[in-house]
Protein backbone atom coordinates (compact mmCIF):
# COMPACT_ATOMS: atom_id res chain seq x y z
CA MET A 1 -3.94 -1.48 -0.27
CA GLY A 2 -3.04 -3.05 2.96
CA GLY A 3 -1.15 -5.16 5.50
CA ARG A 4 2.33 -4.02 6.32
CA THR A 5 4.61 -5.77 3.85
CA SER A 6 8.05 -7.03 4.87
CA LEU A 7 10.73 -5.94 2.45
CA ASN A 8 14.24 -7.24 2.13
CA THR A 9 16.02 -3.90 2.15
CA THR A 10 19.55 -3.26 3.21
CA LEU A 11 21.12 -0.08 4.42
CA HIS A 12 24.16 0.85 2.40
CA PRO A 13 27.06 2.18 4.47
CA ASP A 14 27.89 4.81 1.82
CA HIS A 15 24.49 6.46 2.33
CA ASN A 16 25.41 8.47 5.42
CA ASP A 17 25.31 12.26 5.42
CA LYS A 18 27.94 14.23 7.27
CA ASP A 19 25.39 14.62 10.08
CA GLY A 20 25.11 10.82 10.37
CA SER A 21 21.64 10.51 8.86
CA ASP A 22 21.01 7.77 6.35
CA ARG A 23 20.64 9.11 2.81
CA THR A 24 20.17 7.45 -0.54
CA ARG A 25 22.55 8.03 -3.45
CA GLU A 26 23.21 11.69 -4.19
CA GLY A 27 21.47 12.71 -0.94
CA MET A 28 18.05 13.17 -2.57
CA THR A 29 16.09 11.61 0.28
CA SER A 30 16.43 9.37 3.32
CA GLN A 31 16.64 5.60 3.54
CA GLU A 32 13.40 5.70 5.54
CA VAL A 33 11.67 7.34 2.57
CA THR A 34 12.92 4.75 0.08
CA ASP A 35 11.98 1.92 2.45
CA LEU A 36 8.45 3.34 2.78
CA LEU A 37 8.22 3.80 -1.00
CA LYS A 38 9.15 0.14 -1.46
CA GLU A 39 6.67 -0.95 1.19
CA ALA A 40 3.88 1.09 -0.39
CA TYR A 41 4.76 -0.26 -3.85
CA ALA A 42 4.58 -3.86 -2.65
CA ASP A 43 1.31 -3.19 -0.81
CA GLU A 44 -0.24 -1.67 -3.95
CA ILE A 45 0.75 -4.71 -6.03
CA GLU A 46 -0.65 -7.09 -3.41
CA THR A 47 -3.85 -5.04 -3.30
CA VAL A 48 -4.23 -5.31 -7.08
CA MET A 49 -3.98 -9.11 -6.83
CA ASN A 50 -6.51 -9.33 -3.99
CA TYR A 51 -8.96 -6.87 -5.56
CA LEU A 52 -8.78 -8.76 -8.85
CA THR A 53 -9.39 -12.14 -7.23
CA ASN A 54 -12.25 -10.82 -5.09
CA SER A 55 -13.86 -9.09 -8.08
CA ILE A 56 -13.77 -12.39 -9.96
CA ILE A 57 -15.03 -14.73 -7.24
CA LEU A 58 -17.74 -12.65 -5.55
CA GLU A 59 -21.21 -13.64 -6.67
CA GLY A 60 -24.79 -12.78 -5.98
CA VAL A 61 -26.99 -9.82 -6.79
CA SER A 62 -25.77 -7.86 -3.77
CA ALA A 63 -22.13 -8.33 -4.83
CA GLU A 64 -22.35 -6.50 -8.16
CA GLU A 65 -21.76 -2.96 -6.90
CA VAL A 66 -18.77 -4.05 -4.78
CA LYS A 67 -17.33 -6.06 -7.68
CA GLU A 68 -17.63 -3.05 -10.00
CA SER A 69 -15.91 -0.82 -7.46
CA LEU A 70 -13.07 -3.32 -7.00
CA GLU A 71 -12.64 -3.59 -10.77
CA ALA A 72 -12.36 0.20 -11.07
CA ASP A 73 -9.99 0.42 -8.09
CA ILE A 74 -7.62 -2.16 -9.62
CA GLN A 75 -6.53 0.29 -12.29
CA GLU A 76 -6.12 3.09 -9.76
CA GLU A 77 -4.05 0.93 -7.39
CA LEU A 78 -1.91 -0.23 -10.31
CA GLY A 79 -1.39 3.42 -11.23
CA HIS A 80 -0.26 4.11 -7.66
CA ALA A 81 2.27 1.29 -7.92
CA GLU A 82 3.56 2.67 -11.20
CA MET A 83 4.01 6.16 -9.73
CA LEU A 84 5.80 4.75 -6.68
CA GLY A 85 8.04 2.60 -8.88
CA GLN A 86 8.90 5.58 -11.06
CA ARG A 87 9.75 7.64 -7.98
CA LEU A 88 12.02 4.87 -6.72
CA LYS A 89 13.76 4.83 -10.10
CA GLN A 90 14.23 8.62 -9.93
CA LEU A 91 15.93 8.05 -6.58
CA ASP A 92 18.23 5.46 -8.17
CA GLU A 93 16.46 2.66 -6.33
CA ARG A 94 14.79 -0.43 -7.73
CA PRO A 95 11.11 -1.20 -7.10
CA PRO A 96 10.62 -4.53 -5.32
CA ALA A 97 9.89 -7.67 -7.31
CA SER A 98 7.98 -10.74 -6.18
CA TYR A 99 10.87 -12.21 -4.18
CA ASP A 100 11.35 -8.93 -2.31
CA PHE A 101 8.16 -8.93 -0.26
CA GLU A 102 5.97 -11.16 1.80
CA ALA A 103 2.20 -11.02 1.36
CA ARG A 104 0.45 -9.71 4.49
CA GLN A 105 -3.14 -8.83 3.54
CA GLU A 106 -4.74 -11.65 5.48
CA SER A 107 -8.11 -9.91 5.88
CA LEU A 108 -8.35 -9.25 2.13
CA GLN A 109 -8.01 -12.90 1.13
CA PRO A 110 -11.00 -14.16 -0.86
CA PRO A 111 -13.68 -15.69 1.37
CA GLU A 112 -14.53 -19.39 1.18
CA ASP A 113 -18.17 -18.38 0.69
CA SER A 114 -18.23 -16.41 -2.56
CA THR A 115 -21.40 -14.59 -1.41
CA ASP A 116 -19.69 -13.21 1.74
CA VAL A 117 -19.47 -9.67 0.45
CA LEU A 118 -19.17 -8.17 3.94
CA SER A 119 -15.86 -9.97 4.60
CA VAL A 120 -14.45 -8.47 1.39
CA ILE A 121 -15.68 -5.02 2.39
CA ASP A 122 -14.01 -5.44 5.81
CA GLY A 123 -10.80 -6.60 4.11
CA VAL A 124 -10.80 -3.57 1.81
CA LEU A 125 -11.33 -1.27 4.80
CA ASP A 126 -8.38 -2.88 6.62
CA ALA A 127 -6.19 -2.50 3.52
CA GLU A 128 -7.20 1.12 3.04
CA GLU A 129 -6.55 1.96 6.71
CA ASN A 130 -3.09 0.46 6.39
CA ALA A 131 -2.44 2.33 3.15
CA ILE A 132 -3.54 5.60 4.71
CA GLN A 133 -1.13 5.09 7.60
CA THR A 134 1.72 4.17 5.23
CA TYR A 135 1.18 7.30 3.14
CA ARG A 136 0.97 9.48 6.25
CA ASP A 137 4.25 7.97 7.44
CA LEU A 138 5.73 8.59 3.99
CA ILE A 139 4.59 12.23 4.03
CA SER A 140 6.23 12.73 7.44
CA ALA A 141 9.46 11.01 6.39
CA ALA A 142 9.61 12.93 3.10
CA THR A 143 9.02 16.22 4.89
CA GLU A 144 11.78 15.42 7.36
CA ALA A 145 14.11 14.42 4.50
CA ASP A 146 13.31 17.61 2.56
CA ASP A 147 11.97 15.55 -0.34
CA PRO A 148 9.01 17.57 -1.69
CA VAL A 149 8.56 15.36 -4.77
CA THR A 150 7.92 12.23 -2.69
CA GLU A 151 5.83 14.23 -0.25
CA ASP A 152 3.62 15.50 -3.11
CA LEU A 153 3.25 11.98 -4.52
CA ALA A 154 2.26 10.60 -1.11
CA VAL A 155 -0.31 13.38 -0.57
CA THR A 156 -1.88 12.62 -3.96
CA VAL A 157 -2.12 8.88 -3.32
CA LEU A 158 -3.31 9.44 0.26
CA SER A 159 -6.27 11.39 -1.12
CA ASP A 160 -7.20 8.45 -3.38
CA GLU A 161 -6.92 5.96 -0.53
CA GLU A 162 -9.13 8.10 1.72
CA ALA A 163 -11.74 8.24 -1.08
CA HIS A 164 -11.65 4.43 -1.37
CA ARG A 165 -12.12 4.10 2.37
CA THR A 166 -15.11 6.44 2.29
CA GLU A 167 -16.72 4.46 -0.53
CA PHE A 168 -16.28 1.13 1.28
CA ARG A 169 -17.52 2.57 4.57
CA GLY A 170 -20.71 3.36 2.67
CA PHE A 171 -20.90 -0.21 1.38
CA LYS A 172 -20.44 -1.49 4.93
CA ARG A 173 -23.26 0.70 6.26
CA GLU A 174 -25.55 -0.65 3.52
CA TYR A 175 -24.70 -4.27 4.38
CA GLU A 176 -25.16 -3.76 8.10
CA THR A 177 -28.72 -2.43 7.76
């Protein structure tokens, strides 16, 4: 997952608690939480697209292990997006569609040289670092908003993203030796 994604979200004036904090419908969570959920959802979808393209275009004997990992991660990232979208629906929010976000994963774009596996590894690491930060921000916001369901979801996905980062750090060490 990666690059901070710009979302076209608006703050609804009827989402203010008596204490002045911004809340979504029925006070289930904060606007910050729903904004972060939408950002994470869009990032996961963009990651799926970039992982798929990179897994298709990479070539060479040394690319096979990375391609296989990307192919496996596509399903996991798609699952993350589905969980995030379902959580947004539970909060009476709509997951973003293609017109709602701007692609930002510049470092994860497929390389011109289809044998440049290291640039893909670096792009994945950038995307995973960004995802980890987004989920940590979401955990903090959900904790502050007293939203344990979103907090639990973010902790679960954070664990997956940290595992992806660890795997691709290993790939990078192998390519640098």
